[in-house]
N, C-alpha and C. Protein backbone atom coordinates (compact mmCIF):
# COMPACT_ATOMS: atom_id res chain seq x y z
N MET A 1 -61.00 -28.84 -49.82
CA MET A 1 -60.34 -28.86 -48.53
C MET A 1 -61.36 -28.48 -47.46
N THR A 2 -61.35 -29.22 -46.38
CA THR A 2 -62.26 -28.90 -45.29
C THR A 2 -61.69 -27.76 -44.45
N GLU A 3 -62.53 -27.17 -43.64
CA GLU A 3 -62.07 -26.09 -42.78
C GLU A 3 -61.04 -26.61 -41.77
N SER A 4 -61.22 -27.82 -41.30
CA SER A 4 -60.26 -28.42 -40.37
C SER A 4 -58.90 -28.61 -41.03
N GLU A 5 -58.88 -29.10 -42.26
CA GLU A 5 -57.62 -29.26 -42.99
C GLU A 5 -56.95 -27.91 -43.22
N PHE A 6 -57.76 -26.91 -43.57
CA PHE A 6 -57.23 -25.56 -43.76
C PHE A 6 -56.60 -25.04 -42.47
N ASN A 7 -57.30 -25.18 -41.35
CA ASN A 7 -56.76 -24.69 -40.08
C ASN A 7 -55.46 -25.40 -39.71
N ASP A 8 -55.38 -26.70 -39.98
CA ASP A 8 -54.13 -27.43 -39.72
C ASP A 8 -52.99 -26.88 -40.58
N LEU A 9 -53.26 -26.59 -41.84
CA LEU A 9 -52.24 -26.03 -42.73
C LEU A 9 -51.76 -24.66 -42.24
N VAL A 10 -52.70 -23.82 -41.85
CA VAL A 10 -52.33 -22.49 -41.35
C VAL A 10 -51.52 -22.62 -40.07
N ASP A 11 -51.95 -23.49 -39.15
CA ASP A 11 -51.21 -23.68 -37.90
C ASP A 11 -49.77 -24.11 -38.18
N THR A 12 -49.60 -25.06 -39.07
CA THR A 12 -48.27 -25.54 -39.42
C THR A 12 -47.44 -24.41 -40.05
N THR A 13 -48.04 -23.63 -40.91
CA THR A 13 -47.34 -22.52 -41.56
C THR A 13 -46.90 -21.48 -40.53
N LEU A 14 -47.80 -21.11 -39.63
CA LEU A 14 -47.46 -20.11 -38.62
C LEU A 14 -46.37 -20.62 -37.68
N GLU A 15 -46.42 -21.90 -37.33
CA GLU A 15 -45.38 -22.48 -36.48
C GLU A 15 -44.03 -22.44 -37.20
N ASN A 16 -44.02 -22.72 -38.49
CA ASN A 16 -42.79 -22.66 -39.28
C ASN A 16 -42.22 -21.25 -39.27
N ILE A 17 -43.07 -20.26 -39.42
CA ILE A 17 -42.63 -18.87 -39.38
C ILE A 17 -42.04 -18.54 -38.01
N GLU A 18 -42.70 -18.96 -36.95
CA GLU A 18 -42.20 -18.72 -35.60
C GLU A 18 -40.82 -19.33 -35.40
N TYR A 19 -40.59 -20.54 -35.88
CA TYR A 19 -39.28 -21.18 -35.75
C TYR A 19 -38.21 -20.36 -36.45
N GLN A 20 -38.53 -19.86 -37.63
CA GLN A 20 -37.57 -19.02 -38.35
C GLN A 20 -37.27 -17.74 -37.58
N LEU A 21 -38.29 -17.15 -37.01
CA LEU A 21 -38.11 -15.90 -36.27
C LEU A 21 -37.28 -16.10 -35.02
N ASP A 22 -37.39 -17.28 -34.40
CA ASP A 22 -36.59 -17.57 -33.21
C ASP A 22 -35.10 -17.54 -33.52
N ASP A 23 -34.73 -17.81 -34.78
CA ASP A 23 -33.33 -17.81 -35.19
C ASP A 23 -32.86 -16.45 -35.68
N ALA A 24 -33.70 -15.45 -35.64
CA ALA A 24 -33.34 -14.12 -36.17
C ALA A 24 -32.24 -13.48 -35.34
N GLU A 25 -31.36 -12.75 -36.02
CA GLU A 25 -30.28 -12.04 -35.35
C GLU A 25 -30.75 -10.70 -34.80
N SER A 26 -31.79 -10.15 -35.38
CA SER A 26 -32.31 -8.87 -34.89
C SER A 26 -33.36 -9.13 -33.81
N ASP A 27 -33.86 -8.06 -33.27
CA ASP A 27 -34.82 -8.15 -32.17
C ASP A 27 -36.24 -8.16 -32.72
N LEU A 28 -36.66 -9.30 -33.25
CA LEU A 28 -38.03 -9.46 -33.72
C LEU A 28 -38.86 -10.08 -32.61
N ASP A 29 -39.99 -9.46 -32.33
CA ASP A 29 -40.93 -10.02 -31.36
C ASP A 29 -42.15 -10.52 -32.12
N TYR A 30 -42.80 -11.52 -31.58
CA TYR A 30 -44.03 -11.97 -32.19
C TYR A 30 -44.99 -12.47 -31.13
N GLU A 31 -46.26 -12.44 -31.51
CA GLU A 31 -47.32 -12.93 -30.63
C GLU A 31 -48.32 -13.69 -31.50
N ASN A 32 -48.67 -14.88 -31.07
CA ASN A 32 -49.66 -15.67 -31.77
C ASN A 32 -50.85 -15.84 -30.84
N SER A 33 -51.94 -15.19 -31.20
CA SER A 33 -53.12 -15.21 -30.34
C SER A 33 -54.37 -15.30 -31.20
N GLY A 34 -55.19 -16.30 -30.92
CA GLY A 34 -56.45 -16.45 -31.62
C GLY A 34 -56.31 -16.64 -33.12
N GLY A 35 -55.23 -17.29 -33.55
CA GLY A 35 -55.03 -17.53 -34.97
C GLY A 35 -54.44 -16.36 -35.72
N VAL A 36 -54.01 -15.33 -35.00
CA VAL A 36 -53.38 -14.16 -35.61
C VAL A 36 -51.94 -14.10 -35.12
N LEU A 37 -51.00 -14.13 -36.06
CA LEU A 37 -49.58 -14.00 -35.73
C LEU A 37 -49.15 -12.58 -36.08
N THR A 38 -48.71 -11.85 -35.08
CA THR A 38 -48.23 -10.48 -35.27
C THR A 38 -46.74 -10.45 -35.01
N VAL A 39 -45.98 -10.03 -36.02
CA VAL A 39 -44.53 -9.90 -35.91
C VAL A 39 -44.21 -8.42 -35.81
N ILE A 40 -43.48 -8.06 -34.76
CA ILE A 40 -43.10 -6.67 -34.55
C ILE A 40 -41.60 -6.55 -34.81
N CYS A 41 -41.27 -5.74 -35.81
CA CYS A 41 -39.88 -5.55 -36.21
C CYS A 41 -39.22 -4.51 -35.30
N GLU A 42 -37.88 -4.46 -35.36
CA GLU A 42 -37.13 -3.50 -34.53
C GLU A 42 -37.59 -2.07 -34.77
N ASN A 43 -37.96 -1.76 -36.01
CA ASN A 43 -38.39 -0.40 -36.34
C ASN A 43 -39.86 -0.16 -35.98
N ARG A 44 -40.47 -1.10 -35.29
CA ARG A 44 -41.85 -1.07 -34.79
C ARG A 44 -42.89 -1.31 -35.87
N SER A 45 -42.47 -1.54 -37.12
CA SER A 45 -43.46 -1.93 -38.13
C SER A 45 -43.90 -3.35 -37.84
N GLN A 46 -45.03 -3.73 -38.41
CA GLN A 46 -45.59 -5.05 -38.13
C GLN A 46 -45.90 -5.81 -39.41
N ILE A 47 -45.79 -7.12 -39.32
CA ILE A 47 -46.26 -8.03 -40.34
C ILE A 47 -47.28 -8.93 -39.64
N ILE A 48 -48.50 -8.94 -40.16
CA ILE A 48 -49.60 -9.62 -39.48
C ILE A 48 -50.18 -10.71 -40.37
N PHE A 49 -50.30 -11.90 -39.81
CA PHE A 49 -50.84 -13.06 -40.51
C PHE A 49 -52.19 -13.41 -39.89
N THR A 50 -53.22 -13.55 -40.74
CA THR A 50 -54.54 -13.94 -40.25
C THR A 50 -55.12 -15.01 -41.15
N ARG A 51 -55.83 -15.94 -40.53
CA ARG A 51 -56.51 -16.99 -41.29
C ARG A 51 -57.91 -16.50 -41.62
N GLN A 52 -58.32 -16.80 -42.83
CA GLN A 52 -59.66 -16.45 -43.28
C GLN A 52 -60.34 -17.74 -43.72
N ALA A 53 -60.85 -18.47 -42.73
CA ALA A 53 -61.44 -19.78 -42.99
C ALA A 53 -62.61 -19.75 -43.98
N PRO A 54 -63.48 -18.75 -43.96
CA PRO A 54 -64.61 -18.77 -44.90
C PRO A 54 -64.17 -18.81 -46.37
N VAL A 55 -63.01 -18.21 -46.68
CA VAL A 55 -62.53 -18.19 -48.07
C VAL A 55 -61.29 -19.05 -48.25
N LEU A 56 -60.89 -19.77 -47.18
CA LEU A 56 -59.73 -20.67 -47.20
C LEU A 56 -58.46 -19.94 -47.66
N GLN A 57 -58.22 -18.77 -47.07
CA GLN A 57 -57.04 -18.00 -47.41
C GLN A 57 -56.26 -17.61 -46.16
N LEU A 58 -54.95 -17.43 -46.38
CA LEU A 58 -54.07 -16.85 -45.37
C LEU A 58 -53.81 -15.42 -45.82
N TRP A 59 -54.12 -14.45 -44.97
CA TRP A 59 -53.91 -13.05 -45.31
C TRP A 59 -52.68 -12.55 -44.58
N VAL A 60 -51.90 -11.73 -45.28
CA VAL A 60 -50.68 -11.16 -44.72
C VAL A 60 -50.74 -9.65 -44.93
N ALA A 61 -50.59 -8.90 -43.84
CA ALA A 61 -50.56 -7.44 -43.92
C ALA A 61 -49.14 -6.97 -43.62
N THR A 62 -48.61 -6.15 -44.52
CA THR A 62 -47.30 -5.53 -44.34
C THR A 62 -47.48 -4.03 -44.49
N ARG A 63 -46.40 -3.29 -44.29
CA ARG A 63 -46.55 -1.85 -44.45
C ARG A 63 -46.79 -1.45 -45.91
N SER A 64 -46.55 -2.37 -46.85
CA SER A 64 -46.80 -2.07 -48.26
C SER A 64 -48.19 -2.50 -48.72
N GLY A 65 -48.96 -3.16 -47.85
CA GLY A 65 -50.32 -3.53 -48.22
C GLY A 65 -50.76 -4.86 -47.66
N GLY A 66 -51.94 -5.28 -48.07
CA GLY A 66 -52.50 -6.56 -47.64
C GLY A 66 -52.50 -7.54 -48.80
N PHE A 67 -52.21 -8.81 -48.51
CA PHE A 67 -52.04 -9.82 -49.54
C PHE A 67 -52.75 -11.09 -49.13
N HIS A 68 -53.33 -11.78 -50.11
CA HIS A 68 -54.11 -12.99 -49.86
C HIS A 68 -53.44 -14.19 -50.51
N PHE A 69 -53.36 -15.30 -49.77
CA PHE A 69 -52.70 -16.50 -50.25
C PHE A 69 -53.65 -17.69 -50.19
N ASP A 70 -53.65 -18.45 -51.29
CA ASP A 70 -54.43 -19.68 -51.40
C ASP A 70 -53.46 -20.85 -51.31
N TYR A 71 -53.96 -21.98 -50.82
CA TYR A 71 -53.15 -23.20 -50.79
C TYR A 71 -53.46 -24.01 -52.03
N LYS A 72 -52.48 -24.10 -52.96
CA LYS A 72 -52.68 -24.81 -54.22
C LYS A 72 -51.48 -25.68 -54.51
N ASP A 73 -51.75 -26.88 -54.98
CA ASP A 73 -50.67 -27.78 -55.43
C ASP A 73 -49.55 -27.92 -54.39
N GLY A 74 -49.93 -27.99 -53.12
CA GLY A 74 -48.95 -28.24 -52.06
C GLY A 74 -48.22 -27.03 -51.54
N GLY A 75 -48.68 -25.82 -51.85
CA GLY A 75 -48.01 -24.63 -51.34
C GLY A 75 -48.92 -23.40 -51.35
N TRP A 76 -48.53 -22.41 -50.56
CA TRP A 76 -49.26 -21.15 -50.48
C TRP A 76 -48.81 -20.25 -51.62
N VAL A 77 -49.78 -19.71 -52.38
CA VAL A 77 -49.48 -18.79 -53.48
C VAL A 77 -50.41 -17.58 -53.39
N ARG A 78 -49.83 -16.42 -53.74
CA ARG A 78 -50.62 -15.19 -53.72
C ARG A 78 -51.69 -15.25 -54.80
N ASP A 79 -52.90 -14.89 -54.44
CA ASP A 79 -54.02 -15.02 -55.38
C ASP A 79 -53.92 -14.07 -56.56
N SER A 80 -53.20 -12.96 -56.43
CA SER A 80 -53.14 -11.98 -57.51
C SER A 80 -52.14 -12.33 -58.61
N ASP A 81 -51.04 -13.02 -58.24
CA ASP A 81 -50.01 -13.27 -59.26
C ASP A 81 -49.30 -14.61 -59.13
N GLY A 82 -49.68 -15.42 -58.15
CA GLY A 82 -49.09 -16.75 -58.02
C GLY A 82 -47.74 -16.79 -57.32
N GLU A 83 -47.26 -15.65 -56.80
CA GLU A 83 -45.98 -15.66 -56.07
C GLU A 83 -46.12 -16.54 -54.83
N SER A 84 -45.08 -17.31 -54.54
CA SER A 84 -45.14 -18.19 -53.37
C SER A 84 -45.05 -17.37 -52.09
N LEU A 85 -45.65 -17.90 -51.04
CA LEU A 85 -45.58 -17.25 -49.73
C LEU A 85 -44.13 -17.14 -49.28
N ALA A 86 -43.33 -18.17 -49.52
CA ALA A 86 -41.92 -18.15 -49.11
C ALA A 86 -41.18 -16.99 -49.76
N ASP A 87 -41.33 -16.82 -51.06
CA ASP A 87 -40.66 -15.72 -51.76
C ASP A 87 -41.17 -14.37 -51.28
N PHE A 88 -42.49 -14.28 -51.12
CA PHE A 88 -43.08 -13.03 -50.64
C PHE A 88 -42.52 -12.64 -49.27
N LEU A 89 -42.45 -13.62 -48.35
CA LEU A 89 -41.97 -13.32 -47.00
C LEU A 89 -40.49 -12.97 -46.98
N GLN A 90 -39.70 -13.59 -47.84
CA GLN A 90 -38.29 -13.23 -47.90
C GLN A 90 -38.16 -11.74 -48.23
N SER A 91 -38.93 -11.26 -49.20
CA SER A 91 -38.90 -9.84 -49.57
C SER A 91 -39.45 -8.96 -48.45
N ALA A 92 -40.57 -9.37 -47.88
CA ALA A 92 -41.22 -8.56 -46.84
C ALA A 92 -40.31 -8.39 -45.62
N PHE A 93 -39.69 -9.48 -45.16
CA PHE A 93 -38.82 -9.37 -43.99
C PHE A 93 -37.53 -8.63 -44.31
N ARG A 94 -37.05 -8.75 -45.53
CA ARG A 94 -35.86 -7.99 -45.91
C ARG A 94 -36.19 -6.49 -45.91
N ASP A 95 -37.33 -6.13 -46.46
CA ASP A 95 -37.72 -4.73 -46.55
C ASP A 95 -38.08 -4.12 -45.20
N GLN A 96 -38.82 -4.85 -44.38
CA GLN A 96 -39.31 -4.30 -43.13
C GLN A 96 -38.37 -4.50 -41.95
N ALA A 97 -37.65 -5.61 -41.91
CA ALA A 97 -36.86 -5.93 -40.73
C ALA A 97 -35.36 -6.02 -41.03
N ASN A 98 -35.00 -5.84 -42.29
CA ASN A 98 -33.61 -5.98 -42.69
C ASN A 98 -33.05 -7.33 -42.27
N GLU A 99 -33.90 -8.36 -42.39
CA GLU A 99 -33.55 -9.74 -42.04
C GLU A 99 -33.68 -10.61 -43.28
N THR A 100 -32.82 -11.59 -43.38
CA THR A 100 -32.90 -12.55 -44.48
C THR A 100 -33.29 -13.90 -43.92
N PHE A 101 -34.40 -14.43 -44.44
CA PHE A 101 -34.88 -15.74 -44.03
C PHE A 101 -35.03 -16.61 -45.27
N SER A 102 -34.97 -17.90 -45.05
CA SER A 102 -35.23 -18.87 -46.10
C SER A 102 -36.40 -19.74 -45.63
N PHE A 103 -37.59 -19.38 -46.06
CA PHE A 103 -38.79 -20.11 -45.64
C PHE A 103 -39.03 -21.31 -46.55
N ASP A 104 -39.56 -22.38 -45.97
CA ASP A 104 -39.92 -23.58 -46.72
C ASP A 104 -41.23 -24.08 -46.13
N PHE A 105 -42.29 -24.02 -46.91
CA PHE A 105 -43.60 -24.42 -46.43
C PHE A 105 -44.10 -25.71 -47.05
N SER A 106 -43.20 -26.49 -47.65
CA SER A 106 -43.64 -27.72 -48.30
C SER A 106 -43.73 -28.86 -47.32
């Protein structure tokens, strides 16, 4: 995958997340600046998405830690255990924002 293709994938993924957040019932704020998407939950905790073009990964920081995702076989998967980004985010937003989302990155 080229760096340009990677950046397009990350942009599409972040836009998908933003669309889901726009439909949230709680007061979630977000800012997308310089390829970094920062989501601020009502409780002031943050979920931060950053692109890491040199290693072709999407990194996600939550209050429980930092996680790295690779794009494989048409979807984002966590490098440590293969969990999908969609499943990971459902858990992360439930835990941090008490919100339920159904993400689809295909």
